[in-house]
Amino acid sequence: MLTLRRGLLSAVGTTTAVTAAVLLGAGPAAALDYYRVITYASGDYIGSAGAEWFYPDGDRISVCDNWGDGAGVAGYWKVGSGGSVTKIYSGGGIGTCEERNYNFAESSTVYIKVCIQDNGDVKEGTCSNWKEAPADGIS
């Protein structure tokens, strides 16, 4: 009986240690599912009228129009702080998104930024700041 009790206590101790390691994380870095930027309020445009998401798992970028203001949303991305800027436009109206898949090197850093665009004119006051997003999702 004593041997059975010791075996059970040993199993419980091991299970507790493994559970604690999983819950507390095995390392200092944590993987994120996505990175997001939103537009700022400016003039006739409300905050969060547009949004852009970068999903490291699958290297997807989505640009979405969140408000029925008649304007579209311009999302921008670049690889590295000095990289060439690429634009994705979502002009289908409230609740619509444009999504693109890319193949970024896991070691690269993607930067995203989003703005309101109305009749071809980018409303600079609504633009988010550039957000840094590691392509492997680990920050």
N, C-alpha and C. Protein backbone atom coordinates (compact mmCIF):
# COMPACT_ATOMS: atom_id res chain seq x y z
N MET A 1 0.82 -1.19 0.00
CA MET A 1 0.00 0.00 0.00
C MET A 1 0.86 1.26 0.00
N LEU A 2 1.95 1.24 0.78
CA LEU A 2 2.85 2.37 0.85
C LEU A 2 3.50 2.63 -0.51
N THR A 3 3.86 1.57 -1.23
CA THR A 3 4.46 1.71 -2.56
C THR A 3 3.46 2.33 -3.53
N LEU A 4 2.21 1.94 -3.47
CA LEU A 4 1.17 2.49 -4.33
C LEU A 4 1.01 3.98 -4.06
N ARG A 5 0.98 4.38 -2.78
CA ARG A 5 0.85 5.78 -2.41
C ARG A 5 2.02 6.62 -2.94
N ARG A 6 3.24 6.10 -2.78
CA ARG A 6 4.42 6.81 -3.29
C ARG A 6 4.34 6.98 -4.80
N GLY A 7 3.91 5.93 -5.49
CA GLY A 7 3.78 5.99 -6.95
C GLY A 7 2.75 7.03 -7.37
N LEU A 8 1.63 7.10 -6.68
CA LEU A 8 0.59 8.08 -6.99
C LEU A 8 1.09 9.50 -6.72
N LEU A 9 1.77 9.70 -5.59
CA LEU A 9 2.30 11.02 -5.26
C LEU A 9 3.34 11.45 -6.27
N SER A 10 4.16 10.52 -6.72
CA SER A 10 5.18 10.83 -7.73
C SER A 10 4.51 11.23 -9.04
N ALA A 11 3.46 10.51 -9.43
CA ALA A 11 2.73 10.81 -10.66
C ALA A 11 2.06 12.18 -10.57
N VAL A 12 1.46 12.48 -9.39
CA VAL A 12 0.81 13.77 -9.20
C VAL A 12 1.84 14.89 -9.26
N GLY A 13 2.99 14.72 -8.64
CA GLY A 13 4.05 15.72 -8.66
C GLY A 13 4.55 15.98 -10.07
N THR A 14 4.74 14.93 -10.84
CA THR A 14 5.20 15.08 -12.23
C THR A 14 4.14 15.80 -13.07
N THR A 15 2.89 15.43 -12.91
CA THR A 15 1.81 16.06 -13.65
C THR A 15 1.71 17.54 -13.30
N THR A 16 1.85 17.87 -12.03
CA THR A 16 1.80 19.27 -11.59
C THR A 16 2.95 20.06 -12.20
N ALA A 17 4.13 19.50 -12.23
CA ALA A 17 5.30 20.19 -12.80
C ALA A 17 5.12 20.42 -14.30
N VAL A 18 4.61 19.43 -15.00
CA VAL A 18 4.40 19.56 -16.44
C VAL A 18 3.32 20.61 -16.70
N THR A 19 2.23 20.57 -15.94
CA THR A 19 1.15 21.55 -16.10
C THR A 19 1.66 22.96 -15.85
N ALA A 20 2.45 23.15 -14.81
CA ALA A 20 3.01 24.47 -14.50
C ALA A 20 3.90 24.95 -15.62
N ALA A 21 4.71 24.08 -16.19
CA ALA A 21 5.60 24.47 -17.29
C ALA A 21 4.80 24.92 -18.50
N VAL A 22 3.70 24.21 -18.79
CA VAL A 22 2.86 24.57 -19.93
C VAL A 22 2.16 25.90 -19.68
N LEU A 23 1.58 26.07 -18.50
CA LEU A 23 0.85 27.29 -18.19
C LEU A 23 1.76 28.51 -18.10
N LEU A 24 2.93 28.35 -17.55
CA LEU A 24 3.84 29.48 -17.38
C LEU A 24 4.67 29.74 -18.63
N GLY A 25 4.71 28.80 -19.52
CA GLY A 25 5.47 28.97 -20.76
C GLY A 25 6.88 28.44 -20.59
N ALA A 26 7.35 27.80 -21.61
CA ALA A 26 8.67 27.20 -21.54
C ALA A 26 9.77 28.20 -21.86
N GLY A 27 9.44 29.29 -22.50
CA GLY A 27 10.47 30.26 -22.87
C GLY A 27 9.96 31.68 -22.73
N PRO A 28 10.82 32.67 -22.95
CA PRO A 28 10.43 34.06 -22.76
C PRO A 28 9.59 34.63 -23.90
N ALA A 29 9.63 34.03 -25.08
CA ALA A 29 8.90 34.57 -26.22
C ALA A 29 7.52 33.92 -26.33
N ALA A 30 6.57 34.70 -26.82
CA ALA A 30 5.22 34.18 -27.00
C ALA A 30 4.78 34.45 -28.44
N ALA A 31 4.15 33.46 -29.04
CA ALA A 31 3.66 33.62 -30.42
C ALA A 31 2.31 34.33 -30.40
N LEU A 32 2.13 35.29 -31.30
CA LEU A 32 0.87 36.00 -31.42
C LEU A 32 0.13 35.51 -32.65
N ASP A 33 -1.21 35.45 -32.54
CA ASP A 33 -2.03 35.01 -33.65
C ASP A 33 -2.13 36.07 -34.75
N TYR A 34 -2.12 37.35 -34.33
CA TYR A 34 -2.23 38.42 -35.30
C TYR A 34 -1.71 39.73 -34.72
N TYR A 35 -1.46 40.68 -35.62
CA TYR A 35 -1.10 42.05 -35.26
C TYR A 35 -2.13 42.93 -35.94
N ARG A 36 -2.57 44.00 -35.26
CA ARG A 36 -3.65 44.83 -35.79
C ARG A 36 -3.33 46.30 -35.63
N VAL A 37 -3.74 47.09 -36.62
CA VAL A 37 -3.72 48.55 -36.53
C VAL A 37 -5.11 49.05 -36.93
N ILE A 38 -5.51 50.20 -36.36
CA ILE A 38 -6.81 50.79 -36.68
C ILE A 38 -6.62 52.25 -37.03
N THR A 39 -7.59 52.79 -37.78
CA THR A 39 -7.52 54.20 -38.15
C THR A 39 -7.87 55.07 -36.95
N TYR A 40 -7.38 56.31 -37.00
CA TYR A 40 -7.67 57.31 -35.97
C TYR A 40 -8.86 58.16 -36.40
N ALA A 41 -9.52 58.74 -35.42
CA ALA A 41 -10.59 59.70 -35.71
C ALA A 41 -9.95 61.00 -36.20
N SER A 42 -10.54 61.56 -37.25
CA SER A 42 -10.05 62.82 -37.79
C SER A 42 -11.13 63.41 -38.70
N GLY A 43 -11.45 64.68 -38.49
CA GLY A 43 -12.47 65.33 -39.32
C GLY A 43 -13.79 64.60 -39.23
N ASP A 44 -14.32 64.20 -40.38
CA ASP A 44 -15.61 63.50 -40.42
C ASP A 44 -15.49 61.99 -40.21
N TYR A 45 -14.31 61.50 -39.93
CA TYR A 45 -14.07 60.05 -39.85
C TYR A 45 -13.88 59.62 -38.39
N ILE A 46 -14.58 58.58 -38.01
CA ILE A 46 -14.47 58.09 -36.64
C ILE A 46 -13.25 57.18 -36.49
N GLY A 47 -12.80 57.01 -35.26
CA GLY A 47 -11.71 56.07 -34.99
C GLY A 47 -12.18 54.65 -35.24
N SER A 48 -11.30 53.80 -35.64
CA SER A 48 -11.57 52.38 -35.92
C SER A 48 -12.47 52.17 -37.15
N ALA A 49 -12.61 53.18 -38.00
CA ALA A 49 -13.42 53.02 -39.21
C ALA A 49 -12.77 52.04 -40.18
N GLY A 50 -11.47 51.90 -40.05
CA GLY A 50 -10.73 50.96 -40.88
C GLY A 50 -9.74 50.20 -40.02
N ALA A 51 -9.41 48.99 -40.45
CA ALA A 51 -8.46 48.17 -39.70
C ALA A 51 -7.66 47.30 -40.66
N GLU A 52 -6.47 46.95 -40.20
CA GLU A 52 -5.60 46.04 -40.96
C GLU A 52 -5.04 45.01 -40.00
N TRP A 53 -5.02 43.76 -40.43
CA TRP A 53 -4.50 42.65 -39.64
C TRP A 53 -3.38 41.96 -40.41
N PHE A 54 -2.35 41.56 -39.69
CA PHE A 54 -1.33 40.68 -40.23
C PHE A 54 -1.36 39.40 -39.41
N TYR A 55 -1.54 38.27 -40.09
CA TYR A 55 -1.56 36.95 -39.46
C TYR A 55 -0.28 36.21 -39.83
N PRO A 56 0.66 36.08 -38.89
CA PRO A 56 1.93 35.40 -39.20
C PRO A 56 1.72 33.95 -39.68
N ASP A 57 0.74 33.27 -39.11
CA ASP A 57 0.46 31.91 -39.54
C ASP A 57 -0.28 31.96 -40.87
N GLY A 58 0.43 31.79 -41.95
CA GLY A 58 -0.15 31.88 -43.28
C GLY A 58 0.24 33.15 -44.01
N ASP A 59 0.93 34.06 -43.32
CA ASP A 59 1.39 35.31 -43.94
C ASP A 59 0.26 36.05 -44.66
N ARG A 60 -0.87 36.20 -43.97
CA ARG A 60 -2.03 36.88 -44.56
C ARG A 60 -2.13 38.30 -44.04
N ILE A 61 -2.55 39.20 -44.91
CA ILE A 61 -2.85 40.57 -44.53
C ILE A 61 -4.28 40.87 -44.97
N SER A 62 -5.08 41.39 -44.03
CA SER A 62 -6.46 41.76 -44.32
C SER A 62 -6.67 43.23 -44.03
N VAL A 63 -7.38 43.91 -44.92
CA VAL A 63 -7.73 45.32 -44.75
C VAL A 63 -9.25 45.39 -44.80
N CYS A 64 -9.85 45.99 -43.74
CA CYS A 64 -11.31 45.97 -43.61
C CYS A 64 -11.91 47.35 -43.39
N ASP A 65 -13.07 47.56 -44.00
CA ASP A 65 -13.86 48.78 -43.83
C ASP A 65 -14.88 48.49 -42.75
N ASN A 66 -14.81 49.24 -41.65
CA ASN A 66 -15.67 48.98 -40.50
C ASN A 66 -16.80 49.99 -40.32
N TRP A 67 -16.91 50.98 -41.21
CA TRP A 67 -17.89 52.02 -40.97
C TRP A 67 -18.51 52.47 -42.28
N GLY A 68 -19.80 52.78 -42.25
CA GLY A 68 -20.54 53.21 -43.44
C GLY A 68 -20.42 54.70 -43.67
N ASP A 69 -19.21 55.17 -43.96
CA ASP A 69 -18.98 56.61 -44.16
C ASP A 69 -18.78 56.96 -45.64
N GLY A 70 -18.91 55.99 -46.51
CA GLY A 70 -18.73 56.23 -47.94
C GLY A 70 -17.28 56.22 -48.39
N ALA A 71 -16.36 56.09 -47.45
CA ALA A 71 -14.93 56.06 -47.78
C ALA A 71 -14.43 54.62 -47.73
N GLY A 72 -13.30 54.39 -48.37
CA GLY A 72 -12.66 53.08 -48.32
C GLY A 72 -11.50 53.09 -47.34
N VAL A 73 -10.77 52.00 -47.32
CA VAL A 73 -9.65 51.84 -46.39
C VAL A 73 -8.43 51.39 -47.18
N ALA A 74 -7.31 52.08 -46.94
CA ALA A 74 -6.04 51.73 -47.58
C ALA A 74 -5.12 51.14 -46.53
N GLY A 75 -4.71 49.91 -46.76
CA GLY A 75 -3.76 49.26 -45.88
C GLY A 75 -2.41 49.20 -46.57
N TYR A 76 -1.37 49.37 -45.80
CA TYR A 76 -0.01 49.37 -46.35
C TYR A 76 0.83 48.35 -45.59
N TRP A 77 1.78 47.74 -46.29
CA TRP A 77 2.74 46.86 -45.62
C TRP A 77 4.09 46.99 -46.31
N LYS A 78 5.11 46.67 -45.55
CA LYS A 78 6.47 46.63 -46.09
C LYS A 78 7.27 45.65 -45.26
N VAL A 79 8.31 45.10 -45.85
CA VAL A 79 9.22 44.21 -45.14
C VAL A 79 10.45 45.01 -44.78
N GLY A 80 10.74 45.10 -43.50
CA GLY A 80 11.85 45.91 -43.02
C GLY A 80 11.45 47.38 -42.97
N SER A 81 12.09 48.13 -42.10
CA SER A 81 11.71 49.54 -41.93
C SER A 81 11.94 50.37 -43.18
N GLY A 82 12.86 49.97 -44.03
CA GLY A 82 13.14 50.72 -45.25
C GLY A 82 12.65 50.04 -46.51
N GLY A 83 11.80 49.03 -46.36
CA GLY A 83 11.34 48.27 -47.52
C GLY A 83 10.36 49.02 -48.39
N SER A 84 10.11 48.48 -49.57
CA SER A 84 9.14 49.06 -50.50
C SER A 84 7.73 48.88 -49.93
N VAL A 85 6.91 49.91 -50.05
CA VAL A 85 5.55 49.90 -49.51
C VAL A 85 4.58 49.33 -50.55
N THR A 86 3.75 48.39 -50.11
CA THR A 86 2.69 47.81 -50.93
C THR A 86 1.35 48.21 -50.33
N LYS A 87 0.39 48.53 -51.20
CA LYS A 87 -0.93 48.99 -50.76
C LYS A 87 -1.99 47.94 -51.08
N ILE A 88 -2.94 47.79 -50.16
CA ILE A 88 -4.13 46.97 -50.37
C ILE A 88 -5.32 47.87 -50.09
N TYR A 89 -6.25 47.95 -51.03
CA TYR A 89 -7.41 48.84 -50.87
C TYR A 89 -8.68 48.03 -50.69
N SER A 90 -9.47 48.41 -49.69
CA SER A 90 -10.79 47.82 -49.47
C SER A 90 -11.82 48.92 -49.66
N GLY A 91 -12.56 48.84 -50.76
CA GLY A 91 -13.55 49.87 -51.07
C GLY A 91 -14.93 49.31 -51.31
N GLY A 92 -15.20 48.13 -50.79
CA GLY A 92 -16.49 47.48 -51.03
C GLY A 92 -17.60 47.89 -50.10
N GLY A 93 -17.31 48.76 -49.13
CA GLY A 93 -18.34 49.21 -48.19
C GLY A 93 -18.21 48.57 -46.83
N ILE A 94 -19.05 49.02 -45.92
CA ILE A 94 -18.99 48.57 -44.53
C ILE A 94 -19.03 47.05 -44.43
N GLY A 95 -18.15 46.53 -43.60
CA GLY A 95 -18.11 45.09 -43.34
C GLY A 95 -17.37 44.28 -44.39
N THR A 96 -16.74 44.93 -45.34
CA THR A 96 -16.00 44.19 -46.37
C THR A 96 -14.50 44.26 -46.11
N CYS A 97 -13.81 43.25 -46.56
CA CYS A 97 -12.36 43.16 -46.38
C CYS A 97 -11.70 42.70 -47.67
N GLU A 98 -10.47 43.11 -47.84
CA GLU A 98 -9.60 42.58 -48.89
C GLU A 98 -8.49 41.83 -48.19
N GLU A 99 -8.20 40.64 -48.65
CA GLU A 99 -7.16 39.82 -48.01
C GLU A 99 -6.19 39.31 -49.06
N ARG A 100 -4.92 39.29 -48.69
CA ARG A 100 -3.86 38.78 -49.57
C ARG A 100 -2.98 37.82 -48.78
N ASN A 101 -2.48 36.83 -49.46
CA ASN A 101 -1.52 35.89 -48.87
C ASN A 101 -0.15 36.16 -49.49
N TYR A 102 0.86 36.14 -48.64
CA TYR A 102 2.23 36.36 -49.07
C TYR A 102 3.09 35.24 -48.51
N ASN A 103 4.35 35.26 -48.83
CA ASN A 103 5.28 34.28 -48.30
C ASN A 103 6.51 35.02 -47.77
N PHE A 104 6.40 35.49 -46.53
CA PHE A 104 7.49 36.24 -45.93
C PHE A 104 8.49 35.28 -45.30
N ALA A 105 9.76 35.62 -45.37
CA ALA A 105 10.79 34.83 -44.68
C ALA A 105 10.52 34.92 -43.18
N GLU A 106 10.63 33.80 -42.49
CA GLU A 106 10.34 33.77 -41.05
C GLU A 106 11.21 34.74 -40.25
N SER A 107 12.39 35.06 -40.77
CA SER A 107 13.30 35.95 -40.06
C SER A 107 13.02 37.43 -40.33
N SER A 108 12.05 37.73 -41.20
CA SER A 108 11.79 39.13 -41.56
C SER A 108 10.82 39.80 -40.59
N THR A 109 10.81 41.12 -40.66
CA THR A 109 9.87 41.92 -39.88
C THR A 109 8.96 42.65 -40.86
N VAL A 110 7.66 42.47 -40.66
CA VAL A 110 6.66 43.11 -41.51
C VAL A 110 6.13 44.32 -40.75
N TYR A 111 5.92 45.42 -41.45
CA TYR A 111 5.35 46.62 -40.87
C TYR A 111 4.00 46.87 -41.55
N ILE A 112 2.97 47.22 -40.75
CA ILE A 112 1.65 47.49 -41.30
C ILE A 112 1.16 48.87 -40.84
N LYS A 113 0.33 49.49 -41.70
CA LYS A 113 -0.23 50.81 -41.43
C LYS A 113 -1.55 50.90 -42.18
N VAL A 114 -2.55 51.61 -41.63
CA VAL A 114 -3.85 51.71 -42.27
C VAL A 114 -4.36 53.15 -42.23
N CYS A 115 -5.09 53.55 -43.30
CA CYS A 115 -5.63 54.91 -43.43
C CYS A 115 -7.01 54.85 -44.09
N ILE A 116 -7.80 55.90 -43.89
CA ILE A 116 -9.03 56.08 -44.64
C ILE A 116 -8.66 56.69 -45.98
N GLN A 117 -9.30 56.22 -47.05
CA GLN A 117 -9.12 56.78 -48.39
C GLN A 117 -10.49 57.13 -48.94
N ASP A 118 -10.69 58.38 -49.28
CA ASP A 118 -11.99 58.85 -49.78
C ASP A 118 -11.82 59.49 -51.15
N ASN A 119 -12.50 58.95 -52.15
CA ASN A 119 -12.40 59.43 -53.53
C ASN A 119 -10.95 59.56 -54.00
N GLY A 120 -10.13 58.55 -53.66
CA GLY A 120 -8.74 58.52 -54.09
C GLY A 120 -7.79 59.32 -53.21
N ASP A 121 -8.33 60.08 -52.25
CA ASP A 121 -7.52 60.92 -51.38
C ASP A 121 -7.31 60.23 -50.02
N VAL A 122 -6.06 59.94 -49.70
CA VAL A 122 -5.74 59.33 -48.41
C VAL A 122 -5.82 60.42 -47.34
N LYS A 123 -6.62 60.18 -46.33
CA LYS A 123 -6.82 61.13 -45.23
C LYS A 123 -5.74 60.89 -44.18
N GLU A 124 -4.63 61.63 -44.31
CA GLU A 124 -3.44 61.42 -43.48
C GLU A 124 -3.72 61.46 -41.99
N GLY A 125 -4.66 62.29 -41.56
CA GLY A 125 -4.98 62.39 -40.13
C GLY A 125 -5.59 61.13 -39.55
N THR A 126 -6.08 60.25 -40.41
CA THR A 126 -6.69 59.00 -39.93
C THR A 126 -5.69 57.84 -39.87
N CYS A 127 -4.50 58.05 -40.42
CA CYS A 127 -3.53 56.95 -40.54
C CYS A 127 -3.00 56.50 -39.18
N SER A 128 -2.91 55.21 -39.02
CA SER A 128 -2.26 54.65 -37.84
C SER A 128 -0.76 54.86 -37.97
N ASN A 129 -0.05 54.60 -36.93
CA ASN A 129 1.41 54.55 -37.01
C ASN A 129 1.79 53.21 -37.62
N TRP A 130 3.02 53.09 -38.10
CA TRP A 130 3.53 51.80 -38.57
C TRP A 130 3.66 50.87 -37.36
N LYS A 131 3.19 49.65 -37.50
CA LYS A 131 3.32 48.66 -36.43
C LYS A 131 4.26 47.56 -36.90
N GLU A 132 5.21 47.22 -36.04
CA GLU A 132 6.18 46.18 -36.33
C GLU A 132 5.60 44.81 -35.96
N ALA A 133 5.74 43.85 -36.87
CA ALA A 133 5.19 42.52 -36.66
C ALA A 133 6.18 41.47 -37.16
N PRO A 134 6.78 40.68 -36.27
CA PRO A 134 7.69 39.63 -36.73
C PRO A 134 6.95 38.61 -37.59
N ALA A 135 7.51 38.26 -38.74
CA ALA A 135 6.86 37.34 -39.65
C ALA A 135 6.63 35.96 -39.04
N ASP A 136 7.45 35.58 -38.07
CA ASP A 136 7.24 34.29 -37.43
C ASP A 136 6.24 34.37 -36.27
N GLY A 137 5.75 35.58 -35.97
CA GLY A 137 4.75 35.76 -34.92
C GLY A 137 5.28 35.74 -33.51
N ILE A 138 6.59 35.65 -33.35
CA ILE A 138 7.16 35.57 -32.00
C ILE A 138 7.74 36.93 -31.64
N SER A 139 7.19 37.48 -30.56
CA SER A 139 7.65 38.80 -30.14
C SER A 139 8.38 38.75 -28.81
